Protein backbone atom coordinates (compact mmCIF):
# COMPACT_ATOMS: atom_id res chain seq x y z
CA MET A 1 163.31 65.08 69.36
CA TYR A 2 164.75 68.31 70.72
CA GLN A 3 168.18 69.86 71.12
CA PHE A 4 169.29 72.79 73.25
CA ILE A 5 171.12 75.53 71.39
CA ASP A 6 174.33 76.87 72.91
CA ASN A 7 174.07 80.56 73.75
CA GLY A 8 170.43 80.61 72.61
CA THR A 9 167.97 83.37 73.41
CA VAL A 10 164.56 84.79 72.45
CA THR A 11 165.96 86.06 69.15
CA THR A 12 167.18 82.61 68.13
CA VAL A 13 163.58 82.26 66.95
CA GLN A 14 162.86 83.63 63.48
CA GLY A 15 160.89 86.86 63.31
CA PHE A 16 161.86 88.10 66.77
CA LYS A 17 164.11 91.03 67.64
CA ALA A 18 165.18 92.33 71.03
CA ALA A 19 167.22 95.00 72.78
CA GLY A 20 168.43 95.87 76.26
CA ILE A 21 169.79 99.22 77.39
CA PHE A 22 170.63 101.39 80.40
CA CYS A 23 168.06 104.17 80.60
CA GLY A 24 168.60 105.47 84.14
CA ILE A 25 166.08 103.65 86.33
CA LYS A 26 169.00 101.85 87.97
CA ARG A 27 172.29 103.56 88.79
CA LYS A 28 174.55 101.89 86.26
CA LYS A 29 173.38 98.54 84.89
CA LYS A 30 171.05 97.85 81.96
CA ASP A 31 167.47 98.35 83.09
CA LEU A 32 165.15 98.33 80.06
CA ALA A 33 164.41 95.39 77.75
CA LEU A 34 162.24 95.04 74.66
CA ILE A 35 161.18 91.93 72.72
CA TYR A 36 159.42 92.46 69.40
CA SER A 37 157.89 90.18 66.77
CA GLU A 38 157.74 91.31 63.16
CA VAL A 39 154.36 89.60 62.81
CA PRO A 40 151.40 89.26 65.21
CA CYS A 41 151.64 86.49 67.80
CA SER A 42 149.30 84.34 69.81
CA ALA A 43 150.15 84.82 73.46
CA ALA A 44 149.67 83.07 76.79
CA GLY A 45 150.74 83.83 80.33
CA THR A 46 150.82 82.67 83.92
CA PHE A 47 150.85 85.16 86.78
CA THR A 48 151.53 85.44 90.52
CA ILE A 49 148.84 84.36 92.96
CA ASN A 50 150.02 86.96 95.46
CA LYS A 51 146.99 89.13 96.25
CA VAL A 52 149.27 92.16 95.93
CA LYS A 53 149.78 92.44 92.18
CA ALA A 54 151.89 95.03 90.37
CA ALA A 55 150.20 97.41 87.93
CA PRO A 56 152.00 96.16 84.77
CA LEU A 57 151.11 92.58 85.64
CA LEU A 58 147.40 93.43 85.84
CA ILE A 59 147.57 95.14 82.44
CA SER A 60 149.44 92.26 80.79
CA LYS A 61 147.05 89.74 82.30
CA LYS A 62 144.13 91.56 80.65
CA VAL A 63 145.95 91.58 77.30
CA ILE A 64 146.48 87.82 77.53
CA GLN A 65 142.88 87.18 78.60
CA ASN A 66 141.56 89.12 75.58
CA LYS A 67 143.23 86.50 73.32
CA LYS A 68 144.10 89.19 70.78
CA PRO A 69 147.39 89.32 68.83
CA VAL A 70 150.52 90.54 70.66
CA LYS A 71 153.72 91.89 69.13
CA ALA A 72 155.91 93.27 71.94
CA VAL A 73 157.00 92.95 75.56
CA LEU A 74 158.50 95.91 77.45
CA VAL A 75 160.31 95.14 80.72
CA ASN A 76 162.01 97.48 83.16
CA SER A 77 164.14 96.47 86.13
CA GLY A 78 164.99 98.51 89.22
CA ASN A 79 161.38 99.48 89.96
CA ALA A 80 158.50 97.02 90.47
CA ASN A 81 155.68 99.55 90.00
CA ALA A 82 153.81 97.62 92.71
CA CYS A 83 151.71 99.14 95.51
CA THR A 84 151.57 102.39 93.52
CA GLY A 85 147.78 102.65 93.19
CA LYS A 86 145.93 104.26 90.30
CA GLU A 87 148.94 106.42 89.49
CA GLY A 88 151.10 103.32 89.01
CA GLU A 89 148.47 101.74 86.77
CA GLN A 90 148.33 104.91 84.69
CA ASP A 91 152.14 104.93 84.44
CA ALA A 92 152.09 101.36 83.10
CA LYS A 93 149.37 102.25 80.58
CA THR A 94 151.30 105.33 79.50
CA SER A 95 154.43 103.28 78.79
CA GLN A 96 152.30 100.71 76.92
CA LYS A 97 150.73 103.40 74.71
CA TYR A 98 153.99 105.26 74.17
CA LEU A 99 155.82 102.14 73.03
CA ALA A 100 152.92 101.21 70.74
CA GLN A 101 153.16 104.61 69.05
CA LYS A 102 156.91 104.21 68.54
CA LEU A 103 156.45 100.72 67.03
CA GLY A 104 153.38 101.63 64.99
CA ILE A 105 151.20 99.01 66.66
CA LEU A 106 148.18 98.97 68.98
CA PRO A 107 148.56 99.37 72.77
CA SER A 108 146.67 96.08 73.11
CA GLU A 109 149.57 94.40 71.29
CA VAL A 110 152.03 95.37 74.04
CA LEU A 111 152.75 93.43 77.24
CA VAL A 112 154.43 95.34 80.07
CA SER A 113 156.39 94.00 83.02
CA SER A 114 158.47 95.42 85.86
CA THR A 115 160.80 94.14 88.56
CA GLY A 116 162.62 95.81 91.42
CA VAL A 117 161.78 97.86 94.50
CA ILE A 118 158.13 97.82 95.62
CA GLY A 119 156.25 101.01 96.50
CA LYS A 120 157.93 103.59 94.28
CA ARG A 121 156.46 105.35 91.24
CA LEU A 122 158.24 104.77 87.96
CA PRO A 123 160.40 107.72 86.85
CA MET A 124 158.28 108.26 83.75
CA ASP A 125 160.47 110.84 82.01
CA THR A 126 163.38 108.44 82.31
CA LEU A 127 161.32 105.47 81.13
CA LEU A 128 159.78 107.24 78.12
CA SER A 129 163.18 108.56 77.12
CA GLY A 130 164.44 104.99 77.40
CA ILE A 131 161.70 103.82 75.02
CA ASP A 132 162.88 106.43 72.50
CA LYS A 133 166.39 104.97 72.74
CA ILE A 134 165.57 101.26 72.78
CA VAL A 135 163.27 100.96 69.76
CA PRO A 136 166.01 101.80 67.20
CA LYS A 137 168.30 99.24 68.85
CA LEU A 138 166.01 96.26 68.16
CA SER A 139 167.97 93.52 66.39
CA GLU A 140 168.25 89.79 65.93
CA GLU A 141 171.41 89.97 68.07
CA GLY A 142 169.75 91.78 70.98
CA GLY A 143 168.50 88.81 72.99
CA HIS A 144 171.39 88.70 75.42
CA ASP A 145 171.19 92.44 76.05
CA ALA A 146 167.50 91.98 76.88
CA ALA A 147 168.33 89.10 79.23
CA GLU A 148 170.88 91.29 81.02
CA ALA A 149 168.50 94.24 81.28
CA ILE A 150 165.83 92.32 83.24
CA MET A 151 168.27 91.22 85.96
CA THR A 152 168.04 92.60 89.51
CA THR A 153 170.09 90.76 92.15
CA ASP A 154 170.83 88.00 89.63
CA LYS A 155 174.52 87.23 89.26
CA ALA A 156 174.08 85.23 86.05
CA MET A 157 172.22 86.10 82.86
CA LYS A 158 169.65 83.43 82.02
CA SER A 159 169.01 82.84 78.33
CA PHE A 160 168.16 79.61 76.49
CA ALA A 161 166.83 78.14 73.24
CA VAL A 162 165.83 74.71 72.02
CA LYS A 163 165.30 73.25 68.53
CA VAL A 164 162.42 70.80 68.19
CA CYS A 165 161.74 68.40 65.31
CA LEU A 166 158.01 68.12 64.66
CA GLY A 167 157.57 65.70 61.77
CA THR A 168 159.58 67.09 58.87
CA LYS A 169 159.76 70.60 60.29
CA GLU A 170 162.17 72.16 62.75
CA ILE A 171 160.77 74.77 65.08
CA MET A 172 162.48 76.90 67.72
CA ILE A 173 161.69 77.99 71.27
CA GLY A 174 163.74 80.76 72.86
CA ALA A 175 163.60 82.23 76.36
CA ILE A 176 165.06 84.67 78.82
CA CYS A 177 164.26 84.85 82.52
CA LYS A 178 165.32 86.49 85.74
CA GLY A 179 165.09 85.46 89.34
CA SER A 180 167.38 85.13 92.32
CA GLY A 181 165.45 86.17 95.41
CA MET A 182 161.77 86.42 96.38
CA ILE A 183 161.36 82.98 94.83
CA MET A 184 158.78 80.40 95.88
CA PRO A 185 156.65 77.93 93.92
CA ASN A 186 153.32 79.62 93.25
CA MET A 187 153.24 80.66 89.62
CA ALA A 188 155.43 82.04 88.43
CA THR A 189 158.19 82.73 90.93
CA MET A 190 160.07 84.99 88.50
CA LEU A 191 159.93 86.83 85.19
CA GLY A 192 160.17 84.67 82.10
CA PHE A 193 159.62 85.52 78.44
CA ILE A 194 159.40 82.76 75.85
CA THR A 195 159.23 83.02 72.06
CA THR A 196 158.48 80.38 69.45
CA ASP A 197 157.75 80.14 65.73
CA VAL A 198 155.01 77.51 65.95
CA LYS A 199 151.42 78.41 65.13
CA ALA A 200 148.96 77.86 67.97
CA GLU A 201 145.66 79.28 69.08
CA PRO A 202 145.80 81.20 72.40
CA GLU A 203 143.81 78.48 74.20
CA VAL A 204 146.25 75.79 73.06
CA LEU A 205 149.24 77.93 73.98
CA GLN A 206 147.79 78.67 77.41
CA LYS A 207 147.30 74.99 78.18
CA LEU A 208 150.85 74.17 77.07
CA LEU A 209 152.39 76.93 79.16
CA LYS A 210 150.35 76.14 82.26
CA GLU A 211 151.43 72.50 82.23
CA ALA A 212 155.08 73.33 81.55
CA VAL A 213 155.15 75.92 84.35
CA GLN A 214 153.47 73.58 86.85
CA ASN A 215 156.27 71.05 86.47
CA SER A 216 159.13 73.54 86.51
CA PHE A 217 158.81 77.06 87.92
CA ASN A 218 156.18 75.95 90.41
CA LYS A 219 158.58 73.40 91.85
CA ILE A 220 161.37 75.74 92.94
CA SER A 221 162.14 77.74 96.07
CA VAL A 222 164.94 80.08 97.07
CA ASP A 223 163.40 81.80 100.08
CA GLY A 224 159.70 80.93 100.28
CA GLU A 225 158.62 84.38 99.03
CA THR A 226 156.13 84.86 96.19
CA SER A 227 156.62 88.16 94.38
CA THR A 228 154.07 90.81 93.42
CA ASN A 229 155.34 90.83 89.83
CA ASP A 230 155.85 87.18 88.90
CA MET A 231 154.88 86.29 85.36
CA VAL A 232 155.81 83.97 82.51
CA THR A 233 154.63 84.69 78.98
CA ILE A 234 154.96 82.94 75.65
CA MET A 235 154.54 84.47 72.19
CA ALA A 236 154.03 82.27 69.11
CA ASN A 237 154.41 83.99 65.71
CA GLY A 238 153.66 80.98 63.48
CA LEU A 239 156.48 81.69 61.01
CA SER A 240 157.54 78.02 60.91
CA GLY A 241 154.18 77.17 59.36
CA LYS A 242 153.77 74.32 61.84
CA LYS A 243 150.43 74.40 63.66
CA LEU A 244 149.94 72.72 67.02
CA THR A 245 146.70 70.86 67.69
CA GLU A 246 145.91 69.51 71.13
CA GLY A 247 146.26 65.74 71.49
CA THR A 248 148.56 65.21 68.52
CA LYS A 249 152.07 63.76 68.55
CA ASP A 250 153.49 67.17 67.62
CA TYR A 251 151.66 68.75 70.55
CA LYS A 252 153.15 66.23 72.99
CA GLN A 253 156.66 66.65 71.58
CA PHE A 254 156.41 70.42 71.77
CA LEU A 255 155.17 70.23 75.36
CA GLN A 256 158.07 67.96 76.31
CA ALA A 257 160.59 70.42 74.85
CA LEU A 258 158.85 73.43 76.42
CA GLU A 259 158.76 71.73 79.80
CA GLU A 260 162.45 70.83 79.63
CA LEU A 261 163.26 74.43 78.65
CA CYS A 262 161.26 75.71 81.62
CA LYS A 263 162.99 73.25 83.95
CA LYS A 264 166.35 74.44 82.69
CA MET A 265 165.36 78.04 83.41
CA ALA A 266 163.89 77.16 86.80
CA LYS A 267 167.02 75.32 87.90
CA ALA A 268 169.17 78.22 86.71
CA ILE A 269 167.17 80.53 88.99
CA VAL A 270 167.68 78.28 92.01
CA ALA A 271 171.39 77.85 91.26
CA ASP A 272 171.63 81.65 91.13
CA GLY A 273 169.62 82.10 94.34
CA GLU A 274 170.77 85.06 96.40
CA GLY A 275 173.91 83.93 98.18
CA ALA A 276 173.38 80.30 97.13
CA THR A 277 176.30 77.90 96.90
CA LYS A 278 174.38 74.66 96.21
CA LEU A 279 171.59 73.44 93.92
CA VAL A 280 169.60 70.63 95.55
CA THR A 281 167.10 68.34 93.85
CA ILE A 282 164.41 66.98 96.17
CA ASN A 283 162.83 63.74 94.97
CA VAL A 284 159.71 62.62 96.83
CA LYS A 285 158.17 59.24 96.04
CA GLY A 286 155.77 56.76 97.60
CA ALA A 287 153.10 59.35 98.41
CA LYS A 288 149.40 58.46 98.67
CA THR A 289 148.34 61.36 96.43
CA GLN A 290 149.98 63.89 94.13
CA LYS A 291 149.01 66.60 96.60
CA ASP A 292 150.86 64.78 99.38
CA ALA A 293 153.97 64.41 97.22
CA ASP A 294 153.92 68.13 96.38
CA LEU A 295 153.27 69.19 99.96
CA VAL A 296 156.29 67.24 101.22
CA GLY A 297 158.56 68.50 98.44
CA LYS A 298 157.46 72.09 99.00
CA ALA A 299 157.93 71.90 102.78
CA ILE A 300 161.48 70.57 102.46
CA ALA A 301 162.35 73.08 99.72
CA ASN A 302 161.12 75.98 101.87
CA SER A 303 162.53 74.88 105.22
CA ALA A 304 165.05 77.40 106.55
CA LEU A 305 166.41 74.73 108.88
CA VAL A 306 166.98 72.28 106.01
CA LYS A 307 168.53 75.01 103.87
CA THR A 308 170.93 76.18 106.57
CA ALA A 309 171.95 72.58 107.26
CA ILE A 310 172.69 72.19 103.55
CA TYR A 311 174.92 75.26 103.69
CA GLY A 312 176.69 73.87 106.75
CA GLN A 313 177.10 70.47 105.03
CA ASP A 314 175.37 68.94 108.04
CA ALA A 315 173.62 65.61 107.41
CA ASN A 316 170.79 66.60 109.76
CA TRP A 317 168.12 64.25 108.39
CA GLY A 318 165.86 65.04 111.34
CA ARG A 319 165.15 68.47 109.84
CA ILE A 320 164.04 66.82 106.60
CA MET A 321 161.80 64.41 108.49
CA SER A 322 160.36 67.27 110.53
CA ALA A 323 159.62 69.35 107.41
CA ALA A 324 157.81 66.40 105.85
CA GLY A 325 155.82 65.91 109.04
CA MET A 326 154.66 69.54 109.20
CA SER A 327 153.83 69.71 105.49
CA GLY A 328 150.17 68.80 105.89
CA ALA A 329 150.64 65.63 103.85
CA SER A 330 149.30 62.28 105.01
CA ILE A 331 152.43 60.36 106.02
CA ASN A 332 153.51 57.68 108.48
CA PRO A 333 156.98 58.77 109.64
CA ALA A 334 157.85 55.25 110.74
CA LEU A 335 157.72 54.17 107.08
CA VAL A 336 159.91 56.95 105.72
CA SER A 337 163.42 56.51 104.34
CA ILE A 338 165.84 59.31 103.39
CA SER A 339 169.01 59.28 101.32
CA PHE A 340 171.55 61.75 99.93
CA ASN A 341 172.14 60.77 96.29
CA ASP A 342 172.48 56.96 96.58
CA LEU A 343 173.67 57.04 100.19
CA PRO A 344 171.02 55.78 102.67
CA VAL A 345 170.72 57.94 105.77
CA VAL A 346 167.68 56.65 107.64
CA MET A 347 165.50 53.61 106.91
CA PRO A 348 161.96 52.64 108.06
CA ASP A 349 161.39 52.29 111.81
CA TYR A 350 163.92 55.13 112.25
CA LYS A 351 166.88 52.84 111.57
CA ILE A 352 169.84 55.20 111.27
CA VAL A 353 172.42 54.07 108.69
CA LEU A 354 174.17 57.41 108.31
CA ASP A 355 177.84 57.37 107.34
CA GLU A 356 178.93 60.88 108.33
CA GLU A 357 182.11 60.92 106.21
CA LYS A 358 180.38 59.75 103.03
CA ALA A 359 177.48 62.12 103.68
CA LEU A 360 179.89 65.03 104.02
CA GLU A 361 181.44 64.16 100.65
CA ILE A 362 177.99 64.43 99.02
CA LEU A 363 176.92 67.55 100.92
CA SER A 364 180.16 69.24 99.87
CA LEU A 365 179.14 69.02 96.20
CA LYS A 366 177.61 71.99 94.40
CA GLU A 367 174.74 69.78 93.24
CA PHE A 368 173.20 66.74 94.90
CA GLU A 369 169.86 65.06 95.61
CA ILE A 370 167.76 64.53 98.72
CA ASN A 371 165.56 61.47 98.22
CA ILE A 372 162.62 60.76 100.52
CA ASP A 373 160.44 57.67 100.14
CA LEU A 374 157.14 57.87 102.06
CA ARG A 375 156.27 54.23 101.28
CA SER A 376 152.55 55.00 101.36
CA GLY A 377 151.56 55.06 97.68
CA LYS A 378 152.73 55.53 94.10
CA LYS A 379 152.78 59.30 93.57
CA SER A 380 156.00 61.30 93.23
CA SER A 381 157.23 64.86 92.83
CA THR A 382 160.54 66.62 92.13
CA TRP A 383 161.46 70.05 93.51
CA TRP A 384 164.57 72.22 93.45
CA THR A 385 166.00 74.41 96.20
CA CYS A 386 169.26 75.97 97.36
CA ASP A 387 171.05 76.68 100.61
CA PHE A 388 170.70 79.71 102.88
CA THR A 389 173.92 81.65 103.48
CA GLU A 390 175.05 84.83 105.21
CA GLU A 391 175.15 86.45 101.78
CA TYR A 392 171.37 86.10 101.40
CA ILE A 393 170.87 88.16 104.56
CA LYS A 394 173.38 90.77 103.43
CA ILE A 395 171.81 91.16 99.96
CA ASN A 396 168.32 91.62 101.34
CA ALA A 397 169.33 93.76 104.30
CA ASP A 398 170.96 96.20 101.87
CA TYR A 399 168.48 95.80 98.97
CA ARG A 400 167.38 99.44 98.81
CA THR A 401 170.77 100.90 99.65
């Protein structure tokens, strides 16, 4: 049993504090976030597969791989600290060490993360001064400020929490995330920071996070771009006293809640896609293999032609069929059927049953489904995407200005 908490955030979880401030990396908006646990945490993380990886990501990945306790996450927005070489790596390490000194903890207990423009050195005087200012502002009410501070082109703050009943105990999971552009399924497609009060060994936590991410963040696309800085982390401080053991009923219930939380975050990212006006669920079924189902879903989610048709409210099912055909999946197009919500559009043997007026009614909605049945097997997959609009071009054409 689980229940989402209205207005929840990372600090809904006992033992966690957070803060978010403007320190001067960006021109006006909040640009520095800090999450802190009063007690040591187990930690796990998933990271971008882009071969170009930002300096803070590489440092945080090493911290996670060491399986040592973690107590804090420092995140700046407005500067990605990517493609900055050895100097950028040293800048990230300097911020890690400086924050550790201010908190009275070890540098190895600090995760660091950045998001923003690629190829620029961090303004270190500004950042270190920001650390001086943010540490005293840590509070149990600071979760929403932290969620705001990690935003870049996001229009909406993304912050969630869920209460889970595990036997006789109630545990909490809280989360904040950011993402609007440069989003494509490939772990992790965004920045996400999750907190929980369960007790779990790092190996257990890593397995839980990997599975939850695979079925949520790795099934979304805004623009087919995988960032240099993508990461999702989870910190478990154990203050609930409830320990998770792989294979148990509690483990499965926790995973279900974590996965639903991640799906909620992932869908919020797509709905807030740069310039997006529609959130579209793509349901693929009848595939021979899971790989085929995922390939078809991914191809449709990433197709610029499908996404522009969605924006134009054009029931151009041929673009969906074409995307499926170029996906690399094993399909027989003559067997395929496509529908919008419950409205059939094309049936096997290319039988067109499209009702343009009813299709327009569905495509005019802010949320709807594209359903594609390959009729070749029993595997299925669900993906989420959004439309492409003129606003997306404008945002990214002017990104640095």
